[in-house]
Amino acid sequence: MTSTLFDLTGKVAVITGSSRGIGRAIAERMAEHGAKVVVTSRKLDACEEVVKSIQAKGGEAIALACNISRKEDLQKLVDDTVKHWRGIDVLVCNAAVNPYYGPSIGMPDDAYEKVMNSNVRSNFWLCNMVLPQMAERGGGSIVIISSIAGLIGSPTLGVYGLSKAADMALARNLCAEWGPKNIRANCIAPGLVRTDFARTLWEDPKVYEHTVKAYPLRRIGEPDEIAGAAVFLAGPSGSFMTGQTIVIDGGGVVGRGG
């Protein structure tokens, strides 16, 4: 017998920042489990590449371009998805930015605004656009990709950490507000994962070695290892989980105390 715990058949899933890295892995895995997937990022051609990959394996997907910093782009993303597939059951807020690496005192105002607007405000906007129709469909799942940076201090990623801690608070509040409508909201907080976004943290052998010393598994994660948790939260398997943050970091947060 095939387990239905992770069955997403018939569900419509929108994943921001899904042309590469963690977002792409989530899109591909959700499609494998039966979801109709919307692949979206700023570059349409990159999204279409992912769609072709999904379709080649028998999955259903469409590509929609969207700049998460623009409210009108987010609304168009929602409207076009609803027009194409009549609704949204799963929303994964994965897209994020980090234009500054260094002590917070040296961070320019425009970089601060970019981080907070893209990583927090855009998620706030998009969730509020999706939630009413999700409630009309009888429920759904919001998954926000946060980071362990939101749980620990950092001498170089301070404001990025602020934005990711805010995402955790956003999920908790969505849980409280929309739970009665059968809508769940959770975060995933990855540690260092092998993506282009985190390339500066794993490509340099010295930085990599310093980082994984604190990881009991002594290695960084792979995008697929985050995608599995997203599928869990989207499906029946996660139907009683809401308002939580799942840490997937090879034991890094725990290992820091060692």
C-alpha atoms as a PDB file:
ATOM      1  CA  MET A   1       0.000   0.000   0.000  1.00  0.00           C
ATOM      2  CA  THR A   2       1.140   3.536  -0.774  1.00  0.00           C
ATOM      3  CA  SER A   3       1.035   5.961   2.152  1.00  0.00           C
ATOM      4  CA  THR A   4      -1.195   9.006   1.699  1.00  0.00           C
ATOM      5  CA  LEU A   5       0.558  10.959   4.442  1.00  0.00           C
ATOM      6  CA  PHE A   6       2.562  12.952   1.926  1.00  0.00           C
ATOM      7  CA  ASP A   7      -0.006  12.964  -0.875  1.00  0.00           C
ATOM      8  CA  LEU A   8      -0.462  16.429  -2.415  1.00  0.00           C
ATOM      9  CA  THR A   9      -2.626  15.303  -5.323  1.00  0.00           C
ATOM     10  CA  GLY A  10      -4.896  18.105  -6.492  1.00  0.00           C
ATOM     11  CA  LYS A  11      -3.251  20.722  -4.303  1.00  0.00           C
ATOM     12  CA  VAL A  12      -2.012  23.964  -5.851  1.00  0.00           C
ATOM     13  CA  ALA A  13       1.337  25.096  -4.457  1.00  0.00           C
ATOM     14  CA  VAL A  14       3.009  28.461  -5.036  1.00  0.00           C
ATOM     15  CA  ILE A  15       6.715  28.589  -4.169  1.00  0.00           C
ATOM     16  CA  THR A  16       8.540  31.911  -4.371  1.00  0.00           C
ATOM     17  CA  GLY A  17      12.195  31.956  -5.345  1.00  0.00           C
ATOM     18  CA  SER A  18      11.807  28.520  -6.894  1.00  0.00           C
ATOM     19  CA  SER A  19      14.036  28.800  -9.948  1.00  0.00           C
ATOM     20  CA  ARG A  20      17.024  27.436  -7.988  1.00  0.00           C
ATOM     21  CA  GLY A  21      18.299  26.190  -4.638  1.00  0.00           C
ATOM     22  CA  ILE A  22      15.908  25.288  -1.847  1.00  0.00           C
ATOM     23  CA  GLY A  23      12.902  26.727  -3.678  1.00  0.00           C
ATOM     24  CA  ARG A  24      13.541  24.610  -6.753  1.00  0.00           C
ATOM     25  CA  ALA A  25      13.988  21.476  -4.661  1.00  0.00           C
ATOM     26  CA  ILE A  26      10.661  22.176  -2.911  1.00  0.00           C
ATOM     27  CA  ALA A  27       8.877  22.773  -6.223  1.00  0.00           C
ATOM     28  CA  GLU A  28      10.227  19.559  -7.742  1.00  0.00           C
ATOM     29  CA  ARG A  29       9.448  17.425  -4.704  1.00  0.00           C
ATOM     30  CA  MET A  30       5.937  18.819  -4.246  1.00  0.00           C
ATOM     31  CA  ALA A  31       5.244  18.091  -7.916  1.00  0.00           C
ATOM     32  CA  GLU A  32       6.496  14.519  -7.411  1.00  0.00           C
ATOM     33  CA  HIS A  33       3.937  14.164  -4.616  1.00  0.00           C
ATOM     34  CA  GLY A  34       1.107  15.297  -6.876  1.00  0.00           C
ATOM     35  CA  ALA A  35       0.892  19.061  -6.388  1.00  0.00           C
ATOM     36  CA  LYS A  36       0.229  21.493  -9.219  1.00  0.00           C
ATOM     37  CA  VAL A  37       3.187  23.808  -8.804  1.00  0.00           C
ATOM     38  CA  VAL A  38       3.721  27.479  -9.596  1.00  0.00           C
ATOM     39  CA  VAL A  39       7.421  28.139 -10.141  1.00  0.00           C
ATOM     40  CA  THR A  40       8.160  31.808  -9.633  1.00  0.00           C
ATOM     41  CA  SER A  41      11.113  34.169  -9.402  1.00  0.00           C
ATOM     42  CA  ARG A  42      12.204  37.380 -11.102  1.00  0.00           C
ATOM     43  CA  LYS A  43      13.564  35.599 -14.203  1.00  0.00           C
ATOM     44  CA  LEU A  44      10.878  33.859 -16.237  1.00  0.00           C
ATOM     45  CA  ASP A  45      13.328  31.886 -18.369  1.00  0.00           C
ATOM     46  CA  ALA A  46      14.895  30.328 -15.249  1.00  0.00           C
ATOM     47  CA  CYS A  47      11.409  29.391 -13.998  1.00  0.00           C
ATOM     48  CA  GLU A  48      10.499  27.836 -17.325  1.00  0.00           C
ATOM     49  CA  GLU A  49      13.583  25.632 -17.079  1.00  0.00           C
ATOM     50  CA  VAL A  50      12.326  24.216 -13.791  1.00  0.00           C
ATOM     51  CA  VAL A  51       8.841  23.744 -15.228  1.00  0.00           C
ATOM     52  CA  LYS A  52      10.283  21.704 -18.116  1.00  0.00           C
ATOM     53  CA  SER A  53      12.175  19.548 -15.624  1.00  0.00           C
ATOM     54  CA  ILE A  54       8.995  18.929 -13.615  1.00  0.00           C
ATOM     55  CA  GLN A  55       6.903  18.185 -16.691  1.00  0.00           C
ATOM     56  CA  ALA A  56       9.535  15.795 -18.030  1.00  0.00           C
ATOM     57  CA  LYS A  57       8.947  13.674 -14.937  1.00  0.00           C
ATOM     58  CA  GLY A  58       5.171  13.736 -15.363  1.00  0.00           C
ATOM     59  CA  GLY A  59       4.422  16.616 -12.994  1.00  0.00           C
ATOM     60  CA  GLU A  60       2.231  19.672 -13.475  1.00  0.00           C
ATOM     61  CA  ALA A  61       3.735  23.163 -13.251  1.00  0.00           C
ATOM     62  CA  ILE A  62       3.554  26.660 -14.681  1.00  0.00           C
ATOM     63  CA  ALA A  63       6.065  29.513 -14.604  1.00  0.00           C
ATOM     64  CA  LEU A  64       5.193  33.030 -13.471  1.00  0.00           C
ATOM     65  CA  ALA A  65       7.641  35.913 -13.107  1.00  0.00           C
ATOM     66  CA  CYS A  66       7.433  37.924  -9.886  1.00  0.00           C
ATOM     67  CA  ASN A  67       9.588  40.463  -8.063  1.00  0.00           C
ATOM     68  CA  ILE A  68       8.634  39.970  -4.422  1.00  0.00           C
ATOM     69  CA  SER A  69       9.542  43.559  -3.519  1.00  0.00           C
ATOM     70  CA  ARG A  70       6.688  44.859  -5.705  1.00  0.00           C
ATOM     71  CA  LYS A  71       3.220  44.570  -4.240  1.00  0.00           C
ATOM     72  CA  GLU A  72       1.603  44.665  -7.676  1.00  0.00           C
ATOM     73  CA  ASP A  73       3.773  41.739  -8.811  1.00  0.00           C
ATOM     74  CA  LEU A  74       2.701  39.681  -5.811  1.00  0.00           C
ATOM     75  CA  GLN A  75      -0.976  40.430  -6.444  1.00  0.00           C
ATOM     76  CA  LYS A  76      -0.581  39.460 -10.100  1.00  0.00           C
ATOM     77  CA  LEU A  77       1.090  36.210  -9.028  1.00  0.00           C
ATOM     78  CA  VAL A  78      -1.907  35.367  -6.858  1.00  0.00           C
ATOM     79  CA  ASP A  79      -4.466  36.485  -9.451  1.00  0.00           C
ATOM     80  CA  ASP A  80      -2.823  34.580 -12.310  1.00  0.00           C
ATOM     81  CA  THR A  81      -2.531  31.418 -10.213  1.00  0.00           C
ATOM     82  CA  VAL A  82      -6.178  31.560  -9.160  1.00  0.00           C
ATOM     83  CA  LYS A  83      -7.209  32.234 -12.762  1.00  0.00           C
ATOM     84  CA  HIS A  84      -5.201  29.243 -14.011  1.00  0.00           C
ATOM     85  CA  TRP A  85      -5.890  26.715 -11.250  1.00  0.00           C
ATOM     86  CA  ARG A  86      -8.831  28.281  -9.370  1.00  0.00           C
ATOM     87  CA  GLY A  87      -7.079  28.633  -6.040  1.00  0.00           C
ATOM     88  CA  ILE A  88      -4.042  28.151  -3.835  1.00  0.00           C
ATOM     89  CA  ASP A  89      -3.729  25.452  -1.178  1.00  0.00           C
ATOM     90  CA  VAL A  90      -0.056  25.724  -0.273  1.00  0.00           C
ATOM     91  CA  LEU A  91       2.104  28.848  -0.152  1.00  0.00           C
ATOM     92  CA  VAL A  92       5.850  28.563   0.371  1.00  0.00           C
ATOM     93  CA  CYS A  93       7.539  31.912   1.027  1.00  0.00           C
ATOM     94  CA  ASN A  94      11.111  31.062   0.142  1.00  0.00           C
ATOM     95  CA  ALA A  95      12.527  34.079  -1.721  1.00  0.00           C
ATOM     96  CA  ALA A  96      14.862  36.236   0.358  1.00  0.00           C
ATOM     97  CA  VAL A  97      17.819  38.595   0.030  1.00  0.00           C
ATOM     98  CA  ASN A  98      20.954  39.476   1.951  1.00  0.00           C
ATOM     99  CA  PRO A  99      22.903  42.296   0.253  1.00  0.00           C
ATOM    100  CA  TYR A 100      25.190  42.959   3.224  1.00  0.00           C
ATOM    101  CA  TYR A 101      27.701  40.799   5.080  1.00  0.00           C
ATOM    102  CA  GLY A 102      29.434  42.389   8.070  1.00  0.00           C
ATOM    103  CA  PRO A 103      28.828  44.165  11.407  1.00  0.00           C
ATOM    104  CA  SER A 104      25.374  45.723  11.698  1.00  0.00           C
ATOM    105  CA  ILE A 105      26.843  49.114  12.568  1.00  0.00           C
ATOM    106  CA  GLY A 106      28.233  49.411   9.055  1.00  0.00           C
ATOM    107  CA  MET A 107      25.045  48.425   7.233  1.00  0.00           C
ATOM    108  CA  PRO A 108      23.718  51.146   4.895  1.00  0.00           C
ATOM    109  CA  ASP A 109      20.097  52.196   5.349  1.00  0.00           C
ATOM    110  CA  ASP A 110      19.126  51.075   1.868  1.00  0.00           C
ATOM    111  CA  ALA A 111      20.523  47.591   2.515  1.00  0.00           C
ATOM    112  CA  TYR A 112      18.588  47.390   5.798  1.00  0.00           C
ATOM    113  CA  GLU A 113      15.383  48.386   4.047  1.00  0.00           C
ATOM    114  CA  LYS A 114      15.967  45.891   1.246  1.00  0.00           C
ATOM    115  CA  VAL A 115      16.432  43.017   3.699  1.00  0.00           C
ATOM    116  CA  MET A 116      13.418  43.847   5.859  1.00  0.00           C
ATOM    117  CA  ASN A 117      11.146  44.651   2.919  1.00  0.00           C
ATOM    118  CA  SER A 118      12.031  41.579   0.868  1.00  0.00           C
ATOM    119  CA  ASN A 119      12.306  39.062   3.699  1.00  0.00           C
ATOM    120  CA  VAL A 120       9.439  40.204   5.914  1.00  0.00           C
ATOM    121  CA  ARG A 121       7.088  42.714   4.298  1.00  0.00           C
ATOM    122  CA  SER A 122       6.770  40.760   1.055  1.00  0.00           C
ATOM    123  CA  ASN A 123       5.836  37.615   3.004  1.00  0.00           C
ATOM    124  CA  PHE A 124       3.317  39.631   5.014  1.00  0.00           C
ATOM    125  CA  TRP A 125       1.795  41.026   1.821  1.00  0.00           C
ATOM    126  CA  LEU A 126       1.685  37.703  -0.005  1.00  0.00           C
ATOM    127  CA  CYS A 127       0.191  35.765   2.895  1.00  0.00           C
ATOM    128  CA  ASN A 128      -2.556  38.364   3.288  1.00  0.00           C
ATOM    129  CA  MET A 129      -3.329  38.115  -0.416  1.00  0.00           C
ATOM    130  CA  VAL A 130      -3.544  34.317  -0.350  1.00  0.00           C
ATOM    131  CA  LEU A 131      -5.205  33.620   2.996  1.00  0.00           C
ATOM    132  CA  PRO A 132      -8.820  34.729   2.276  1.00  0.00           C
ATOM    133  CA  GLN A 133      -9.215  32.465  -0.773  1.00  0.00           C
ATOM    134  CA  MET A 134      -7.373  29.677   1.075  1.00  0.00           C
ATOM    135  CA  ALA A 135     -10.000  29.937   3.814  1.00  0.00           C
ATOM    136  CA  GLU A 136     -12.760  29.761   1.193  1.00  0.00           C
ATOM    137  CA  ARG A 137     -11.250  26.486  -0.049  1.00  0.00           C
ATOM    138  CA  GLY A 138     -11.550  24.992   3.427  1.00  0.00           C
ATOM    139  CA  GLY A 139      -7.971  25.432   4.631  1.00  0.00           C
ATOM    140  CA  GLY A 140      -4.370  25.286   3.568  1.00  0.00           C
ATOM    141  CA  SER A 141      -0.737  25.489   4.557  1.00  0.00           C
ATOM    142  CA  ILE A 142       1.687  28.420   4.730  1.00  0.00           C
ATOM    143  CA  VAL A 143       5.388  27.523   4.889  1.00  0.00           C
ATOM    144  CA  ILE A 144       7.946  30.277   5.415  1.00  0.00           C
ATOM    145  CA  ILE A 145      11.606  29.466   4.850  1.00  0.00           C
ATOM    146  CA  SER A 146      13.365  31.223   7.708  1.00  0.00           C
ATOM    147  CA  SER A 147      16.904  30.482   8.949  1.00  0.00           C
ATOM    148  CA  ILE A 148      18.814  29.542  12.076  1.00  0.00           C
ATOM    149  CA  ALA A 149      20.103  33.127  11.815  1.00  0.00           C
ATOM    150  CA  GLY A 150      16.765  34.047  13.404  1.00  0.00           C
ATOM    151  CA  LEU A 151      17.600  31.963  16.477  1.00  0.00           C
ATOM    152  CA  ILE A 152      21.216  32.925  17.149  1.00  0.00           C
ATOM    153  CA  GLY A 153      23.384  36.021  17.162  1.00  0.00           C
ATOM    154  CA  SER A 154      25.857  36.761  14.392  1.00  0.00           C
ATOM    155  CA  PRO A 155      28.679  39.290  13.990  1.00  0.00           C
ATOM    156  CA  THR A 156      28.109  39.380  10.223  1.00  0.00           C
ATOM    157  CA  LEU A 157      24.455  38.493   9.525  1.00  0.00           C
ATOM    158  CA  GLY A 158      22.689  40.492  12.215  1.00  0.00           C
ATOM    159  CA  VAL A 159      19.939  42.213  10.229  1.00  0.00           C
ATOM    160  CA  TYR A 160      19.358  39.132   8.096  1.00  0.00           C
ATOM    161  CA  GLY A 161      18.811  37.343  11.414  1.00  0.00           C
ATOM    162  CA  LEU A 162      16.347  40.039  12.490  1.00  0.00           C
ATOM    163  CA  SER A 163      14.328  39.487   9.331  1.00  0.00           C
ATOM    164  CA  LYS A 164      14.294  35.720   9.804  1.00  0.00           C
ATOM    165  CA  ALA A 165      13.226  36.020  13.446  1.00  0.00           C
ATOM    166  CA  ALA A 166      10.381  38.244  12.243  1.00  0.00           C
ATOM    167  CA  ASP A 167       9.319  35.507   9.815  1.00  0.00           C
ATOM    168  CA  MET A 168       9.006  33.106  12.747  1.00  0.00           C
ATOM    169  CA  ALA A 169       6.803  35.634  14.544  1.00  0.00           C
ATOM    170  CA  LEU A 170       4.743  36.065  11.380  1.00  0.00           C
ATOM    171  CA  ALA A 171       4.076  32.322  11.226  1.00  0.00           C
ATOM    172  CA  ARG A 172       3.013  32.258  14.886  1.00  0.00           C
ATOM    173  CA  ASN A 173       0.588  35.114  14.363  1.00  0.00           C
ATOM    174  CA  LEU A 174      -0.869  33.607  11.197  1.00  0.00           C
ATOM    175  CA  CYS A 175      -1.358  30.401  13.177  1.00  0.00           C
ATOM    176  CA  ALA A 176      -3.323  32.259  15.844  1.00  0.00           C
ATOM    177  CA  GLU A 177      -5.377  34.323  13.411  1.00  0.00           C
ATOM    178  CA  TRP A 178      -6.185  31.739  10.747  1.00  0.00           C
ATOM    179  CA  GLY A 179      -6.168  28.445  12.639  1.00  0.00           C
ATOM    180  CA  PRO A 180      -9.974  28.546  13.070  1.00  0.00           C
ATOM    181  CA  LYS A 181     -10.197  28.543   9.248  1.00  0.00           C
ATOM    182  CA  ASN A 182      -8.129  25.328   9.098  1.00  0.00           C
ATOM    183  CA  ILE A 183      -5.050  27.165   7.842  1.00  0.00           C
ATOM    184  CA  ARG A 184      -1.683  26.177   9.249  1.00  0.00           C
ATOM    185  CA  ALA A 185       1.442  28.375   9.238  1.00  0.00           C
ATOM    186  CA  ASN A 186       4.935  27.131  10.017  1.00  0.00           C
ATOM    187  CA  CYS A 187       8.568  28.028   9.428  1.00  0.00           C
ATOM    188  CA  ILE A 188      11.548  25.973   8.392  1.00  0.00           C
ATOM    189  CA  ALA A 189      14.879  27.246   9.707  1.00  0.00           C
ATOM    190  CA  PRO A 190      17.730  25.743   7.699  1.00  0.00           C
ATOM    191  CA  GLY A 191      21.342  25.908   8.699  1.00  0.00           C
ATOM    192  CA  LEU A 192      23.989  26.263   6.011  1.00  0.00           C
ATOM    193  CA  VAL A 193      22.742  24.659   2.787  1.00  0.00           C
ATOM    194  CA  ARG A 194      24.606  24.225  -0.481  1.00  0.00           C
ATOM    195  CA  THR A 195      22.894  26.931  -2.555  1.00  0.00           C
ATOM    196  CA  ASP A 196      24.068  29.907  -4.603  1.00  0.00           C
ATOM    197  CA  PHE A 197      22.509  32.190  -1.978  1.00  0.00           C
ATOM    198  CA  ALA A 198      24.920  30.898   0.685  1.00  0.00           C
ATOM    199  CA  ARG A 199      27.874  30.339  -1.644  1.00  0.00           C
ATOM    200  CA  THR A 200      30.192  32.716   0.270  1.00  0.00           C
ATOM    201  CA  LEU A 201      29.705  30.581   3.389  1.00  0.00           C
ATOM    202  CA  TRP A 202      30.576  27.211   1.870  1.00  0.00           C
ATOM    203  CA  GLU A 203      32.770  27.881  -1.148  1.00  0.00           C
ATOM    204  CA  ASP A 204      35.710  29.197   0.897  1.00  0.00           C
ATOM    205  CA  PRO A 205      37.372  26.133   2.528  1.00  0.00           C
ATOM    206  CA  LYS A 206      38.384  28.084   5.663  1.00  0.00           C
ATOM    207  CA  VAL A 207      34.892  29.515   6.207  1.00  0.00           C
ATOM    208  CA  TYR A 208      33.355  26.115   5.504  1.00  0.00           C
ATOM    209  CA  GLU A 209      35.647  24.336   7.951  1.00  0.00           C
ATOM    210  CA  HIS A 210      34.911  26.906  10.661  1.00  0.00           C
ATOM    211  CA  THR A 211      31.163  26.548  10.103  1.00  0.00           C
ATOM    212  CA  VAL A 212      30.897  22.768  10.106  1.00  0.00           C
ATOM    213  CA  LYS A 213      32.970  22.485  13.280  1.00  0.00           C
ATOM    214  CA  ALA A 214      29.800  23.446  15.141  1.00  0.00           C
ATOM    215  CA  TYR A 215      27.686  20.967  13.184  1.00  0.00           C
ATOM    216  CA  PRO A 216      27.611  17.523  14.825  1.00  0.00           C
ATOM    217  CA  LEU A 217      27.040  15.962  11.392  1.00  0.00           C
ATOM    218  CA  ARG A 218      30.213  17.771  10.215  1.00  0.00           C
ATOM    219  CA  ARG A 219      28.716  18.825   6.893  1.00  0.00           C
ATOM    220  CA  ILE A 220      26.297  21.324   5.417  1.00  0.00           C
ATOM    221  CA  GLY A 221      22.844  20.480   4.119  1.00  0.00           C
ATOM    222  CA  GLU A 222      21.529  19.896   0.617  1.00  0.00           C
ATOM    223  CA  PRO A 223      18.394  21.566  -0.811  1.00  0.00           C
ATOM    224  CA  ASP A 224      16.492  18.261  -0.908  1.00  0.00           C
ATOM    225  CA  GLU A 225      16.963  17.891   2.843  1.00  0.00           C
ATOM    226  CA  ILE A 226      14.874  21.034   3.315  1.00  0.00           C
ATOM    227  CA  ALA A 227      12.341  20.092   0.645  1.00  0.00           C
ATOM    228  CA  GLY A 228      11.288  17.003   2.585  1.00  0.00           C
ATOM    229  CA  ALA A 229      10.151  19.109   5.523  1.00  0.00           C
ATOM    230  CA  ALA A 230       8.180  21.395   3.221  1.00  0.00           C
ATOM    231  CA  VAL A 231       6.326  18.413   1.751  1.00  0.00           C
ATOM    232  CA  PHE A 232       5.622  17.191   5.293  1.00  0.00           C
ATOM    233  CA  LEU A 233       4.161  20.569   6.300  1.00  0.00           C
ATOM    234  CA  ALA A 234       2.084  20.862   3.136  1.00  0.00           C
ATOM    235  CA  GLY A 235       0.446  17.451   3.311  1.00  0.00           C
ATOM    236  CA  PRO A 236      -1.752  15.413   5.648  1.00  0.00           C
ATOM    237  CA  SER A 237       1.444  14.464   7.497  1.00  0.00           C
ATOM    238  CA  GLY A 238       1.614  17.976   8.968  1.00  0.00           C
ATOM    239  CA  SER A 239      -2.107  18.498   9.507  1.00  0.00           C
ATOM    240  CA  PHE A 240      -1.810  19.060  13.277  1.00  0.00           C
ATOM    241  CA  MET A 241       1.327  21.180  13.192  1.00  0.00           C
ATOM    242  CA  THR A 242       1.060  24.957  13.169  1.00  0.00           C
ATOM    243  CA  GLY A 243       2.817  27.985  14.597  1.00  0.00           C
ATOM    244  CA  GLN A 244       6.128  26.126  14.783  1.00  0.00           C
ATOM    245  CA  THR A 245       9.659  26.482  13.473  1.00  0.00           C
ATOM    246  CA  ILE A 246      11.408  23.310  12.338  1.00  0.00           C
ATOM    247  CA  VAL A 247      15.184  23.618  12.620  1.00  0.00           C
ATOM    248  CA  ILE A 248      17.104  21.629   9.995  1.00  0.00           C
ATOM    249  CA  ASP A 249      20.758  22.386  10.542  1.00  0.00           C
ATOM    250  CA  GLY A 250      22.728  19.195  11.085  1.00  0.00           C
ATOM    251  CA  GLY A 251      22.605  19.914  14.800  1.00  0.00           C
ATOM    252  CA  GLY A 252      24.341  23.267  14.403  1.00  0.00           C
ATOM    253  CA  VAL A 253      22.339  25.226  16.967  1.00  0.00           C
ATOM    254  CA  VAL A 254      22.828  22.450  19.526  1.00  0.00           C
ATOM    255  CA  GLY A 255      26.475  21.966  18.576  1.00  0.00           C
ATOM    256  CA  ARG A 256      27.326  25.609  19.231  1.00  0.00           C
ATOM    257  CA  GLY A 257      27.180  24.870  22.934  1.00  0.00           C
ATOM    258  CA  GLY A 258      29.787  22.128  22.657  1.00  0.00           C
END
